Amino acid sequence: MDYLKIAVIAIIVIVVAKFLLRIAGKELRLLIANEIVGLLLIYLINISGLLAIKINLLTALVVGVFGVPGVVILIVLTILGVL
């Protein structure tokens, strides 16, 4: 009985997710791509040794919300010594 409930909930979640992706579609994909590129930029900056941007909840939220412009904000704040 529990497996049946889990299966029904999983099917509902998949249907709702597909519906939302169809509505948001391109915009959502662009936002996700922007966030992934932002995270990769922070990773590459940290590996290169040019700057040391600490990855914590604040920086993750900034990059998650703003993407690449958020990385630029973090770079400026790191250079100014705020982070």
PDB file of N, CA and C in Angstrom:
ATOM      1  N   MET A   1       0.820  -1.192   0.000  1.00  0.00           N
ATOM      2  CA  MET A   1       0.000   0.000   0.000  1.00  0.00           C
ATOM      3  C   MET A   1       0.866   1.258   0.000  1.00  0.00           C
ATOM      4  N   ASP A   2       1.955   1.237   0.745  1.00  0.00           N
ATOM      5  CA  ASP A   2       2.824   2.405   0.796  1.00  0.00           C
ATOM      6  C   ASP A   2       3.482   2.654  -0.560  1.00  0.00           C
ATOM      7  N   TYR A   3       3.848   1.582  -1.259  1.00  0.00           N
ATOM      8  CA  TYR A   3       4.473   1.748  -2.562  1.00  0.00           C
ATOM      9  C   TYR A   3       3.508   2.363  -3.565  1.00  0.00           C
ATOM     10  N   LEU A   4       2.246   2.024  -3.462  1.00  0.00           N
ATOM     11  CA  LEU A   4       1.241   2.591  -4.350  1.00  0.00           C
ATOM     12  C   LEU A   4       1.111   4.097  -4.117  1.00  0.00           C
ATOM     13  N   LYS A   5       1.109   4.518  -2.865  1.00  0.00           N
ATOM     14  CA  LYS A   5       1.027   5.948  -2.548  1.00  0.00           C
ATOM     15  C   LYS A   5       2.252   6.681  -3.082  1.00  0.00           C
ATOM     16  N   ILE A   6       3.418   6.094  -2.889  1.00  0.00           N
ATOM     17  CA  ILE A   6       4.654   6.718  -3.367  1.00  0.00           C
ATOM     18  C   ILE A   6       4.638   6.835  -4.886  1.00  0.00           C
ATOM     19  N   ALA A   7       4.173   5.800  -5.569  1.00  0.00           N
ATOM     20  CA  ALA A   7       4.115   5.812  -7.026  1.00  0.00           C
ATOM     21  C   ALA A   7       3.143   6.882  -7.519  1.00  0.00           C
ATOM     22  N   VAL A   8       1.998   6.996  -6.882  1.00  0.00           N
ATOM     23  CA  VAL A   8       1.011   8.000  -7.288  1.00  0.00           C
ATOM     24  C   VAL A   8       1.566   9.407  -7.062  1.00  0.00           C
ATOM     25  N   ILE A   9       2.219   9.628  -5.926  1.00  0.00           N
ATOM     26  CA  ILE A   9       2.806  10.942  -5.641  1.00  0.00           C
ATOM     27  C   ILE A   9       3.909  11.250  -6.643  1.00  0.00           C
ATOM     28  N   ALA A  10       4.729  10.255  -6.985  1.00  0.00           N
ATOM     29  CA  ALA A  10       5.811  10.466  -7.950  1.00  0.00           C
ATOM     30  C   ALA A  10       5.247  10.836  -9.322  1.00  0.00           C
ATOM     31  N   ILE A  11       4.194  10.179  -9.737  1.00  0.00           N
ATOM     32  CA  ILE A  11       3.570  10.484 -11.034  1.00  0.00           C
ATOM     33  C   ILE A  11       2.993  11.896 -11.025  1.00  0.00           C
ATOM     34  N   ILE A  12       2.350  12.283  -9.927  1.00  0.00           N
ATOM     35  CA  ILE A  12       1.797  13.633  -9.822  1.00  0.00           C
ATOM     36  C   ILE A  12       2.909  14.678  -9.888  1.00  0.00           C
ATOM     37  N   VAL A  13       4.005  14.425  -9.184  1.00  0.00           N
ATOM     38  CA  VAL A  13       5.128  15.368  -9.192  1.00  0.00           C
ATOM     39  C   VAL A  13       5.708  15.497 -10.600  1.00  0.00           C
ATOM     40  N   ILE A  14       5.853  14.398 -11.302  1.00  0.00           N
ATOM     41  CA  ILE A  14       6.396  14.434 -12.661  1.00  0.00           C
ATOM     42  C   ILE A  14       5.476  15.207 -13.596  1.00  0.00           C
ATOM     43  N   VAL A  15       4.177  14.980 -13.494  1.00  0.00           N
ATOM     44  CA  VAL A  15       3.217  15.678 -14.355  1.00  0.00           C
ATOM     45  C   VAL A  15       3.240  17.180 -14.072  1.00  0.00           C
ATOM     46  N   VAL A  16       3.249  17.546 -12.801  1.00  0.00           N
ATOM     47  CA  VAL A  16       3.281  18.972 -12.440  1.00  0.00           C
ATOM     48  C   VAL A  16       4.586  19.608 -12.903  1.00  0.00           C
ATOM     49  N   ALA A  17       5.702  18.912 -12.723  1.00  0.00           N
ATOM     50  CA  ALA A  17       6.999  19.445 -13.150  1.00  0.00           C
ATOM     51  C   ALA A  17       7.026  19.660 -14.662  1.00  0.00           C
ATOM     52  N   LYS A  18       6.514  18.703 -15.425  1.00  0.00           N
ATOM     53  CA  LYS A  18       6.474  18.857 -16.880  1.00  0.00           C
ATOM     54  C   LYS A  18       5.587  20.035 -17.278  1.00  0.00           C
ATOM     55  N   PHE A  19       4.475  20.193 -16.584  1.00  0.00           N
ATOM     56  CA  PHE A  19       3.576  21.311 -16.873  1.00  0.00           C
ATOM     57  C   PHE A  19       4.272  22.650 -16.600  1.00  0.00           C
ATOM     58  N   LEU A  20       4.952  22.741 -15.451  1.00  0.00           N
ATOM     59  CA  LEU A  20       5.638  23.985 -15.096  1.00  0.00           C
ATOM     60  C   LEU A  20       6.786  24.276 -16.050  1.00  0.00           C
ATOM     61  N   LEU A  21       7.513  23.233 -16.443  1.00  0.00           N
ATOM     62  CA  LEU A  21       8.608  23.433 -17.394  1.00  0.00           C
ATOM     63  C   LEU A  21       8.091  23.855 -18.760  1.00  0.00           C
ATOM     64  N   ARG A  22       6.940  23.362 -19.129  1.00  0.00           N
ATOM     65  CA  ARG A  22       6.363  23.747 -20.409  1.00  0.00           C
ATOM     66  C   ARG A  22       5.956  25.218 -20.373  1.00  0.00           C
ATOM     67  N   ILE A  23       5.432  25.659 -19.229  1.00  0.00           N
ATOM     68  CA  ILE A  23       5.017  27.060 -19.095  1.00  0.00           C
ATOM     69  C   ILE A  23       6.241  27.968 -19.057  1.00  0.00           C
ATOM     70  N   ALA A  24       7.159  27.657 -18.162  1.00  0.00           N
ATOM     71  CA  ALA A  24       8.321  28.514 -17.974  1.00  0.00           C
ATOM     72  C   ALA A  24       9.361  28.267 -19.060  1.00  0.00           C
ATOM     73  N   GLY A  25       9.462  27.026 -19.487  1.00  0.00           N
ATOM     74  CA  GLY A  25      10.316  26.594 -20.582  1.00  0.00           C
ATOM     75  C   GLY A  25      11.638  27.299 -20.723  1.00  0.00           C
ATOM     76  N   LYS A  26      11.693  28.168 -21.713  1.00  0.00           N
ATOM     77  CA  LYS A  26      12.942  28.801 -22.092  1.00  0.00           C
ATOM     78  C   LYS A  26      13.511  29.680 -20.985  1.00  0.00           C
ATOM     79  N   GLU A  27      12.651  30.437 -20.307  1.00  0.00           N
ATOM     80  CA  GLU A  27      13.128  31.337 -19.259  1.00  0.00           C
ATOM     81  C   GLU A  27      13.783  30.551 -18.128  1.00  0.00           C
ATOM     82  N   LEU A  28      13.161  29.455 -17.731  1.00  0.00           N
ATOM     83  CA  LEU A  28      13.701  28.634 -16.657  1.00  0.00           C
ATOM     84  C   LEU A  28      15.027  28.010 -17.056  1.00  0.00           C
ATOM     85  N   ARG A  29      15.115  27.555 -18.283  1.00  0.00           N
ATOM     86  CA  ARG A  29      16.369  26.965 -18.763  1.00  0.00           C
ATOM     87  C   ARG A  29      17.492  27.999 -18.780  1.00  0.00           C
ATOM     88  N   LEU A  30      17.168  29.227 -19.178  1.00  0.00           N
ATOM     89  CA  LEU A  30      18.188  30.283 -19.190  1.00  0.00           C
ATOM     90  C   LEU A  30      18.644  30.619 -17.779  1.00  0.00           C
ATOM     91  N   LEU A  31      17.721  30.661 -16.817  1.00  0.00           N
ATOM     92  CA  LEU A  31      18.093  30.936 -15.432  1.00  0.00           C
ATOM     93  C   LEU A  31      18.986  29.841 -14.874  1.00  0.00           C
ATOM     94  N   ILE A  32      18.637  28.599 -15.138  1.00  0.00           N
ATOM     95  CA  ILE A  32      19.435  27.479 -14.643  1.00  0.00           C
ATOM     96  C   ILE A  32      20.820  27.499 -15.280  1.00  0.00           C
ATOM     97  N   ALA A  33      20.882  27.774 -16.572  1.00  0.00           N
ATOM     98  CA  ALA A  33      22.180  27.849 -17.249  1.00  0.00           C
ATOM     99  C   ALA A  33      23.026  28.980 -16.679  1.00  0.00           C
ATOM    100  N   ASN A  34      22.407  30.123 -16.375  1.00  0.00           N
ATOM    101  CA  ASN A  34      23.120  31.256 -15.796  1.00  0.00           C
ATOM    102  C   ASN A  34      23.682  30.901 -14.426  1.00  0.00           C
ATOM    103  N   GLU A  35      22.919  30.172 -13.628  1.00  0.00           N
ATOM    104  CA  GLU A  35      23.384  29.766 -12.307  1.00  0.00           C
ATOM    105  C   GLU A  35      24.533  28.775 -12.401  1.00  0.00           C
ATOM    106  N   ILE A  36      24.443  27.835 -13.318  1.00  0.00           N
ATOM    107  CA  ILE A  36      25.505  26.839 -13.486  1.00  0.00           C
ATOM    108  C   ILE A  36      26.793  27.509 -13.941  1.00  0.00           C
ATOM    109  N   VAL A  37      26.684  28.439 -14.884  1.00  0.00           N
ATOM    110  CA  VAL A  37      27.871  29.161 -15.346  1.00  0.00           C
ATOM    111  C   VAL A  37      28.463  29.979 -14.205  1.00  0.00           C
ATOM    112  N   GLY A  38      27.622  30.596 -13.383  1.00  0.00           N
ATOM    113  CA  GLY A  38      28.110  31.360 -12.234  1.00  0.00           C
ATOM    114  C   GLY A  38      28.867  30.494 -11.253  1.00  0.00           C
ATOM    115  N   LEU A  39      28.334  29.325 -10.955  1.00  0.00           N
ATOM    116  CA  LEU A  39      29.023  28.408 -10.038  1.00  0.00           C
ATOM    117  C   LEU A  39      30.352  27.927 -10.619  1.00  0.00           C
ATOM    118  N   LEU A  40      30.374  27.655 -11.911  1.00  0.00           N
ATOM    119  CA  LEU A  40      31.623  27.256 -12.553  1.00  0.00           C
ATOM    120  C   LEU A  40      32.657  28.376 -12.523  1.00  0.00           C
ATOM    121  N   LEU A  41      32.201  29.616 -12.688  1.00  0.00           N
ATOM    122  CA  LEU A  41      33.129  30.747 -12.619  1.00  0.00           C
ATOM    123  C   LEU A  41      33.755  30.875 -11.235  1.00  0.00           C
ATOM    124  N   ILE A  42      32.943  30.739 -10.200  1.00  0.00           N
ATOM    125  CA  ILE A  42      33.496  30.801  -8.845  1.00  0.00           C
ATOM    126  C   ILE A  42      34.497  29.675  -8.635  1.00  0.00           C
ATOM    127  N   TYR A  43      34.170  28.485  -9.106  1.00  0.00           N
ATOM    128  CA  TYR A  43      35.071  27.348  -8.980  1.00  0.00           C
ATOM    129  C   TYR A  43      36.391  27.624  -9.696  1.00  0.00           C
ATOM    130  N   LEU A  44      36.320  28.144 -10.922  1.00  0.00           N
ATOM    131  CA  LEU A  44      37.535  28.426 -11.685  1.00  0.00           C
ATOM    132  C   LEU A  44      38.358  29.547 -11.058  1.00  0.00           C
ATOM    133  N   ILE A  45      37.687  30.548 -10.509  1.00  0.00           N
ATOM    134  CA  ILE A  45      38.403  31.640  -9.841  1.00  0.00           C
ATOM    135  C   ILE A  45      39.142  31.112  -8.621  1.00  0.00           C
ATOM    136  N   ASN A  46      38.489  30.248  -7.853  1.00  0.00           N
ATOM    137  CA  ASN A  46      39.123  29.683  -6.666  1.00  0.00           C
ATOM    138  C   ASN A  46      40.287  28.766  -7.032  1.00  0.00           C
ATOM    139  N   ILE A  47      40.155  28.004  -8.104  1.00  0.00           N
ATOM    140  CA  ILE A  47      41.231  27.097  -8.520  1.00  0.00           C
ATOM    141  C   ILE A  47      42.425  27.894  -9.042  1.00  0.00           C
ATOM    142  N   SER A  48      42.157  28.975  -9.778  1.00  0.00           N
ATOM    143  CA  SER A  48      43.252  29.745 -10.370  1.00  0.00           C
ATOM    144  C   SER A  48      44.113  30.439  -9.326  1.00  0.00           C
ATOM    145  N   GLY A  49      43.557  30.691  -8.161  1.00  0.00           N
ATOM    146  CA  GLY A  49      44.318  31.336  -7.110  1.00  0.00           C
ATOM    147  C   GLY A  49      44.333  32.848  -7.197  1.00  0.00           C
ATOM    148  N   LEU A  50      43.612  33.417  -8.156  1.00  0.00           N
ATOM    149  CA  LEU A  50      43.559  34.874  -8.272  1.00  0.00           C
ATOM    150  C   LEU A  50      42.854  35.498  -7.074  1.00  0.00           C
ATOM    151  N   LEU A  51      41.734  34.940  -6.717  1.00  0.00           N
ATOM    152  CA  LEU A  51      40.956  35.386  -5.562  1.00  0.00           C
ATOM    153  C   LEU A  51      40.499  34.158  -4.798  1.00  0.00           C
ATOM    154  N   ALA A  52      40.195  34.362  -3.538  1.00  0.00           N
ATOM    155  CA  ALA A  52      39.653  33.271  -2.729  1.00  0.00           C
ATOM    156  C   ALA A  52      38.249  33.660  -2.285  1.00  0.00           C
ATOM    157  N   ILE A  53      37.269  33.281  -3.081  1.00  0.00           N
ATOM    158  CA  ILE A  53      35.879  33.570  -2.740  1.00  0.00           C
ATOM    159  C   ILE A  53      35.370  32.396  -1.913  1.00  0.00           C
ATOM    160  N   LYS A  54      35.029  32.678  -0.666  1.00  0.00           N
ATOM    161  CA  LYS A  54      34.523  31.629   0.207  1.00  0.00           C
ATOM    162  C   LYS A  54      33.142  31.200  -0.272  1.00  0.00           C
ATOM    163  N   ILE A  55      32.938  29.898  -0.320  1.00  0.00           N
ATOM    164  CA  ILE A  55      31.631  29.381  -0.709  1.00  0.00           C
ATOM    165  C   ILE A  55      30.872  29.038   0.561  1.00  0.00           C
ATOM    166  N   ASN A  56      29.856  29.848   0.839  1.00  0.00           N
ATOM    167  CA  ASN A  56      28.999  29.626   1.991  1.00  0.00           C
ATOM    168  C   ASN A  56      27.555  29.893   1.574  1.00  0.00           C
ATOM    169  N   LEU A  57      26.664  29.964   2.521  1.00  0.00           N
ATOM    170  CA  LEU A  57      25.254  30.145   2.190  1.00  0.00           C
ATOM    171  C   LEU A  57      25.013  31.471   1.482  1.00  0.00           C
ATOM    172  N   LEU A  58      25.667  32.535   1.930  1.00  0.00           N
ATOM    173  CA  LEU A  58      25.472  33.850   1.317  1.00  0.00           C
ATOM    174  C   LEU A  58      25.932  33.867  -0.132  1.00  0.00           C
ATOM    175  N   THR A  59      27.135  33.371  -0.393  1.00  0.00           N
ATOM    176  CA  THR A  59      27.641  33.391  -1.768  1.00  0.00           C
ATOM    177  C   THR A  59      26.825  32.463  -2.665  1.00  0.00           C
ATOM    178  N   ALA A  60      26.382  31.338  -2.124  1.00  0.00           N
ATOM    179  CA  ALA A  60      25.555  30.424  -2.916  1.00  0.00           C
ATOM    180  C   ALA A  60      24.225  31.076  -3.275  1.00  0.00           C
ATOM    181  N   LEU A  61      23.638  31.815  -2.342  1.00  0.00           N
ATOM    182  CA  LEU A  61      22.375  32.499  -2.631  1.00  0.00           C
ATOM    183  C   LEU A  61      22.566  33.610  -3.657  1.00  0.00           C
ATOM    184  N   VAL A  62      23.654  34.355  -3.545  1.00  0.00           N
ATOM    185  CA  VAL A  62      23.905  35.434  -4.500  1.00  0.00           C
ATOM    186  C   VAL A  62      24.068  34.865  -5.905  1.00  0.00           C
ATOM    187  N   VAL A  63      24.861  33.811  -6.036  1.00  0.00           N
ATOM    188  CA  VAL A  63      25.054  33.202  -7.353  1.00  0.00           C
ATOM    189  C   VAL A  63      23.769  32.518  -7.826  1.00  0.00           C
ATOM    190  N   GLY A  64      23.042  31.894  -6.911  1.00  0.00           N
ATOM    191  CA  GLY A  64      21.805  31.229  -7.289  1.00  0.00           C
ATOM    192  C   GLY A  64      20.748  32.190  -7.781  1.00  0.00           C
ATOM    193  N   VAL A  65      20.683  33.366  -7.191  1.00  0.00           N
ATOM    194  CA  VAL A  65      19.658  34.336  -7.580  1.00  0.00           C
ATOM    195  C   VAL A  65      20.108  35.160  -8.789  1.00  0.00           C
ATOM    196  N   PHE A  66      21.359  35.625  -8.778  1.00  0.00           N
ATOM    197  CA  PHE A  66      21.812  36.545  -9.814  1.00  0.00           C
ATOM    198  C   PHE A  66      22.644  35.898 -10.920  1.00  0.00           C
ATOM    199  N   GLY A  67      23.199  34.704 -10.679  1.00  0.00           N
ATOM    200  CA  GLY A  67      23.994  34.030 -11.697  1.00  0.00           C
ATOM    201  C   GLY A  67      25.327  34.717 -11.932  1.00  0.00           C
ATOM    202  N   VAL A  68      25.663  34.957 -13.206  1.00  0.00           N
ATOM    203  CA  VAL A  68      26.946  35.555 -13.562  1.00  0.00           C
ATOM    204  C   VAL A  68      27.089  36.977 -13.005  1.00  0.00           C
ATOM    205  N   PRO A  69      26.073  37.836 -13.068  1.00  0.00           N
ATOM    206  CA  PRO A  69      26.221  39.150 -12.417  1.00  0.00           C
ATOM    207  C   PRO A  69      26.479  39.030 -10.911  1.00  0.00           C
ATOM    208  N   GLY A  70      25.959  37.998 -10.280  1.00  0.00           N
ATOM    209  CA  GLY A  70      26.235  37.759  -8.867  1.00  0.00           C
ATOM    210  C   GLY A  70      27.696  37.432  -8.626  1.00  0.00           C
ATOM    211  N   VAL A  71      28.317  36.726  -9.560  1.00  0.00           N
ATOM    212  CA  VAL A  71      29.752  36.426  -9.447  1.00  0.00           C
ATOM    213  C   VAL A  71      30.550  37.717  -9.538  1.00  0.00           C
ATOM    214  N   VAL A  72      30.144  38.612 -10.431  1.00  0.00           N
ATOM    215  CA  VAL A  72      30.834  39.898 -10.550  1.00  0.00           C
ATOM    216  C   VAL A  72      30.701  40.686  -9.247  1.00  0.00           C
ATOM    217  N   ILE A  73      29.525  40.672  -8.642  1.00  0.00           N
ATOM    218  CA  ILE A  73      29.308  41.339  -7.353  1.00  0.00           C
ATOM    219  C   ILE A  73      30.223  40.738  -6.299  1.00  0.00           C
ATOM    220  N   LEU A  74      30.321  39.422  -6.248  1.00  0.00           N
ATOM    221  CA  LEU A  74      31.180  38.754  -5.268  1.00  0.00           C
ATOM    222  C   LEU A  74      32.651  39.085  -5.502  1.00  0.00           C
ATOM    223  N   ILE A  75      33.064  39.170  -6.749  1.00  0.00           N
ATOM    224  CA  ILE A  75      34.447  39.520  -7.057  1.00  0.00           C
ATOM    225  C   ILE A  75      34.758  40.924  -6.545  1.00  0.00           C
ATOM    226  N   VAL A  76      33.853  41.864  -6.829  1.00  0.00           N
ATOM    227  CA  VAL A  76      34.061  43.242  -6.370  1.00  0.00           C
ATOM    228  C   VAL A  76      34.099  43.300  -4.848  1.00  0.00           C
ATOM    229  N   LEU A  77      33.191  42.601  -4.182  1.00  0.00           N
ATOM    230  CA  LEU A  77      33.174  42.599  -2.718  1.00  0.00           C
ATOM    231  C   LEU A  77      34.421  41.949  -2.132  1.00  0.00           C
ATOM    232  N   THR A  78      34.943  40.940  -2.804  1.00  0.00           N
ATOM    233  CA  THR A  78      36.171  40.291  -2.333  1.00  0.00           C
ATOM    234  C   THR A  78      37.366  41.227  -2.499  1.00  0.00           C
ATOM    235  N   ILE A  79      37.428  41.923  -3.624  1.00  0.00           N
ATOM    236  CA  ILE A  79      38.530  42.859  -3.858  1.00  0.00           C
ATOM    237  C   ILE A  79      38.487  43.998  -2.847  1.00  0.00           C
ATOM    238  N   LEU A  80      37.283  44.457  -2.509  1.00  0.00           N
ATOM    239  CA  LEU A  80      37.139  45.532  -1.530  1.00  0.00           C
ATOM    240  C   LEU A  80      37.352  45.057  -0.095  1.00  0.00           C
ATOM    241  N   GLY A  81      37.426  43.764   0.093  1.00  0.00           N
ATOM    242  CA  GLY A  81      37.672  43.213   1.425  1.00  0.00           C
ATOM    243  C   GLY A  81      36.430  43.025   2.268  1.00  0.00           C
ATOM    244  N   VAL A  82      35.258  43.104   1.656  1.00  0.00           N
ATOM    245  CA  VAL A  82      34.006  42.918   2.405  1.00  0.00           C
ATOM    246  C   VAL A  82      33.762  41.441   2.691  1.00  0.00           C
ATOM    247  N   LEU A  83      34.109  40.575   1.760  1.00  0.00           N
ATOM    248  CA  LEU A  83      33.917  39.126   1.964  1.00  0.00           C
ATOM    249  C   LEU A  83      35.205  38.485   2.423  1.00  0.00           C
TER     250      LEU A  83
END
